[in-house]
C-alpha atoms as a PDB file:
ATOM      1  CA  UNK A   1      13.318 -10.806  -1.925  1.00  0.00           C
ATOM      2  CA  UNK A   2      13.931  -8.167  -4.607  1.00  0.00           C
ATOM      3  CA  UNK A   3      11.271  -7.787  -7.283  1.00  0.00           C
ATOM      4  CA  UNK A   4      11.012  -5.741 -10.490  1.00  0.00           C
ATOM      5  CA  UNK A   5       7.602  -4.801 -11.902  1.00  0.00           C
ATOM      6  CA  UNK A   6       7.044  -3.281 -15.339  1.00  0.00           C
ATOM      7  CA  UNK A   7       4.304  -0.687 -14.956  1.00  0.00           C
ATOM      8  CA  UNK A   8       1.344  -0.289 -17.306  1.00  0.00           C
ATOM      9  CA  UNK A   9      -0.443   2.972 -18.102  1.00  0.00           C
ATOM     10  CA  UNK A  10       1.744   5.327 -16.061  1.00  0.00           C
ATOM     11  CA  UNK A  11       4.594   7.741 -16.682  1.00  0.00           C
ATOM     12  CA  UNK A  12       6.883   5.576 -14.585  1.00  0.00           C
ATOM     13  CA  UNK A  13       8.133   2.532 -16.448  1.00  0.00           C
ATOM     14  CA  UNK A  14       9.385   0.276 -13.666  1.00  0.00           C
ATOM     15  CA  UNK A  15       9.109  -0.301  -9.933  1.00  0.00           C
ATOM     16  CA  UNK A  16      11.755  -2.136  -7.942  1.00  0.00           C
ATOM     17  CA  UNK A  17      10.982  -3.217  -4.392  1.00  0.00           C
ATOM     18  CA  UNK A  18      12.050  -5.599  -1.681  1.00  0.00           C
ATOM     19  CA  UNK A  19       9.834  -7.727   0.508  1.00  0.00           C
ATOM     20  CA  UNK A  20      10.770  -9.112   3.884  1.00  0.00           C
ATOM     21  CA  UNK A  21       7.933 -11.589   4.295  1.00  0.00           C
ATOM     22  CA  UNK A  22       5.014  -9.285   3.565  1.00  0.00           C
ATOM     23  CA  UNK A  23       6.786  -6.077   4.633  1.00  0.00           C
ATOM     24  CA  UNK A  24       7.571  -3.587   1.837  1.00  0.00           C
ATOM     25  CA  UNK A  25      11.066  -2.081   1.718  1.00  0.00           C
ATOM     26  CA  UNK A  26      13.327  -0.105  -0.638  1.00  0.00           C
ATOM     27  CA  UNK A  27      10.790   0.969  -3.273  1.00  0.00           C
ATOM     28  CA  UNK A  28      12.326   2.669  -6.319  1.00  0.00           C
ATOM     29  CA  UNK A  29      10.460   4.034  -9.342  1.00  0.00           C
ATOM     30  CA  UNK A  30      12.005   4.578 -12.763  1.00  0.00           C
ATOM     31  CA  UNK A  31      10.551   7.580 -14.597  1.00  0.00           C
ATOM     32  CA  UNK A  32       7.439   9.477 -13.606  1.00  0.00           C
ATOM     33  CA  UNK A  33       6.918  12.616 -11.502  1.00  0.00           C
ATOM     34  CA  UNK A  34      10.001  13.039  -9.313  1.00  0.00           C
ATOM     35  CA  UNK A  35       8.324  14.590  -6.271  1.00  0.00           C
ATOM     36  CA  UNK A  36       5.536  12.046  -5.964  1.00  0.00           C
ATOM     37  CA  UNK A  37       7.850   9.147  -6.661  1.00  0.00           C
ATOM     38  CA  UNK A  38      10.252  10.211  -3.944  1.00  0.00           C
ATOM     39  CA  UNK A  39       7.394  10.611  -1.453  1.00  0.00           C
ATOM     40  CA  UNK A  40       5.519   7.361  -2.103  1.00  0.00           C
ATOM     41  CA  UNK A  41       8.458   5.066  -1.184  1.00  0.00           C
ATOM     42  CA  UNK A  42       8.956   6.919   2.101  1.00  0.00           C
ATOM     43  CA  UNK A  43       5.264   6.617   2.945  1.00  0.00           C
ATOM     44  CA  UNK A  44       5.039   2.865   2.278  1.00  0.00           C
ATOM     45  CA  UNK A  45       8.370   1.823   3.826  1.00  0.00           C
ATOM     46  CA  UNK A  46       7.663  -0.785   6.499  1.00  0.00           C
ATOM     47  CA  UNK A  47       3.995  -1.291   5.621  1.00  0.00           C
ATOM     48  CA  UNK A  48       2.586  -4.702   4.806  1.00  0.00           C
ATOM     49  CA  UNK A  49       1.512  -5.617   1.282  1.00  0.00           C
ATOM     50  CA  UNK A  50      -2.092  -5.484   2.498  1.00  0.00           C
ATOM     51  CA  UNK A  51      -1.668  -1.991   3.938  1.00  0.00           C
ATOM     52  CA  UNK A  52      -0.148  -0.716   0.682  1.00  0.00           C
ATOM     53  CA  UNK A  53      -3.050  -2.234  -1.250  1.00  0.00           C
ATOM     54  CA  UNK A  54      -5.591  -0.694   1.124  1.00  0.00           C
ATOM     55  CA  UNK A  55      -4.075   2.771   0.794  1.00  0.00           C
ATOM     56  CA  UNK A  56      -3.147   2.875  -2.909  1.00  0.00           C
ATOM     57  CA  UNK A  57      -5.257   0.415  -4.932  1.00  0.00           C
ATOM     58  CA  UNK A  58      -7.719   2.039  -7.294  1.00  0.00           C
ATOM     59  CA  UNK A  59      -6.157   5.516  -7.338  1.00  0.00           C
ATOM     60  CA  UNK A  60      -6.354   7.119 -10.794  1.00  0.00           C
ATOM     61  CA  UNK A  61      -4.021   9.728 -12.287  1.00  0.00           C
ATOM     62  CA  UNK A  62      -6.006  12.263 -14.286  1.00  0.00           C
ATOM     63  CA  UNK A  63      -7.989  10.435 -16.947  1.00  0.00           C
ATOM     64  CA  UNK A  64      -5.870   7.287 -16.639  1.00  0.00           C
ATOM     65  CA  UNK A  65      -7.448   4.214 -15.089  1.00  0.00           C
ATOM     66  CA  UNK A  66      -4.373   3.690 -12.895  1.00  0.00           C
ATOM     67  CA  UNK A  67      -1.600   5.644 -11.163  1.00  0.00           C
ATOM     68  CA  UNK A  68       1.910   5.040  -9.887  1.00  0.00           C
ATOM     69  CA  UNK A  69       0.425   4.304  -6.463  1.00  0.00           C
ATOM     70  CA  UNK A  70      -2.044   1.819  -7.923  1.00  0.00           C
ATOM     71  CA  UNK A  71       0.765   0.195  -9.884  1.00  0.00           C
ATOM     72  CA  UNK A  72       2.831  -0.068  -6.682  1.00  0.00           C
ATOM     73  CA  UNK A  73      -0.050  -1.851  -4.963  1.00  0.00           C
ATOM     74  CA  UNK A  74      -0.208  -4.306  -7.876  1.00  0.00           C
ATOM     75  CA  UNK A  75       3.584  -4.741  -7.815  1.00  0.00           C
ATOM     76  CA  UNK A  76       3.545  -5.525  -4.092  1.00  0.00           C
ATOM     77  CA  UNK A  77       0.818  -8.146  -4.522  1.00  0.00           C
ATOM     78  CA  UNK A  78       2.597  -9.730  -7.507  1.00  0.00           C
ATOM     79  CA  UNK A  79       5.903  -9.795  -5.628  1.00  0.00           C
ATOM     80  CA  UNK A  80       4.271 -11.343  -2.568  1.00  0.00           C
ATOM     81  CA  UNK A  81       2.553 -14.038  -4.616  1.00  0.00           C
ATOM     82  CA  UNK A  82       5.817 -14.805  -6.429  1.00  0.00           C
ATOM     83  CA  UNK A  83       7.567 -15.180  -3.067  1.00  0.00           C
ATOM     84  CA  UNK A  84       4.991 -17.774  -1.990  1.00  0.00           C
ATOM     85  CA  UNK A  85       5.711 -20.141  -4.898  1.00  0.00           C
END
């Protein structure tokens, strides 16, 4: 399943990802800090939605109440829940 998530409160504007059951694959960010947003997809490739949430949920970027990692965790959960409908 391919899923597109519109981010909120980050420099990146969109996250595209694929789920194979609850396994995260092919994460792509649009916008944001190039180095971090090339690294994050490589680090989460093959992890479960729960593992991504455990590692990235609640991370802040500077004074922002969220981050690209936090938004990815939210995107994974939303994608998973959408796949269960």
